[in-house]
Amino acid sequence: MKQAKILVVDDSIAIVNSLSTILKVSGYEVDSAFNGSDALRRIHSGEYDIILCDIEMPGITGLDLLGRVRRDYDRELDVILMTGYLDHDYFIEAIRLGASDFIRKPVDTKQIIRSIHGLLERKRSRNDFSDFYQNTEMAKFQFVIDPARFSKFAVSKVFNAYLRQSFQLNHNLLNELLICVDEMVYNAFIHGTLGLSIAERMLDHSRMQQVIAERLKQPEIAARRLRFEFSINHQDNTINIVVEDDGPGFDYEDWLQRVADEPKLNLDEHGRGISMLYHLADKLEFSNGGKRVSVSKKILTSG
């Protein structure tokens, strides 16, 4: 089994050296950094299983570092925060940023080893889950969205977390899939479910939200649903995403012809979604009068 790699970050040289020695004796590979900037450089160039970081550091604090890791790097990378005190505000902020665990100073080395062991076991369990999906012939899930609850969550964020945990996908493929999901679901909601006009879609955010709220008060519109379907087929090496709405549909053949005739990607507000799907998908299909759209992408493994 690969030796787990840990980055220890603290502005105290004595603490870094002490923890590094203990972790190496415990069988881990260890790197060290004495400030947040150095830690970010190491994270950018190296692959770590866990970051063990002090919260109270000058310049880039432990919370700042945690936020940067979650924003710019691996969202699955575990971060243990060390602190001499942990008041309510610090705790809530750390939880929101995605801290994996907290260790109080002065450091209890047995507690650190237990924490690291537990996090690595959870990581191995996630990898087992991913291995299961990677070795199935086909995986599929579906869900239905009530339009009144559409704004309460971001489908692409949920989908992103699911794909990252379950499948080993090439980074570029993952980004393209997330863009497709955003465009497909948003267009189904705005065009299919709500039927907003071009003028209504050009309103500022506040006014547009008022229009959406008024539309959803209409029983016919409130009764409409969005259906999302994802499947990955390892036999033909393909990912398929399908979104369907209960709206009136549209003349998709005319729009597809317009997009096909365009030499470049159309980023104008009107027609932007179909243009992006056309250029990003390996295969784009409409059915059921334009209410149902599906995209297919060939799988590229991570690397």
Foldseek 3Di string as FASTA:
>chain_A
DDAAEEEEEALDPVVQVVLCVLVVVVGHHYDYDNALVVVVVCQVVDDHQEYEYEQDDPDQGPLNSLQCCCVPHDVLRAYEYEYQDADPVNVVSCVVSPHQYYAYPVGDSVVVVVSVVVSVVVLVVLVVQQVVLVPDQKDKDKDKDQLVCPVVDDPLVVVLVCCVSHYQFAPVLSVLVSLLVNLQVVCCSDCFLQNDDPVLVPDPPVSNVVSSVVSCVDVVSSPKMKMWMWMAGPVQQKIKIKIFIPGPADDVVVLVVVLVPDPDQDCDPPSNSVSSQVVSAPDWDADPRHRMIMGMDGTDGYD
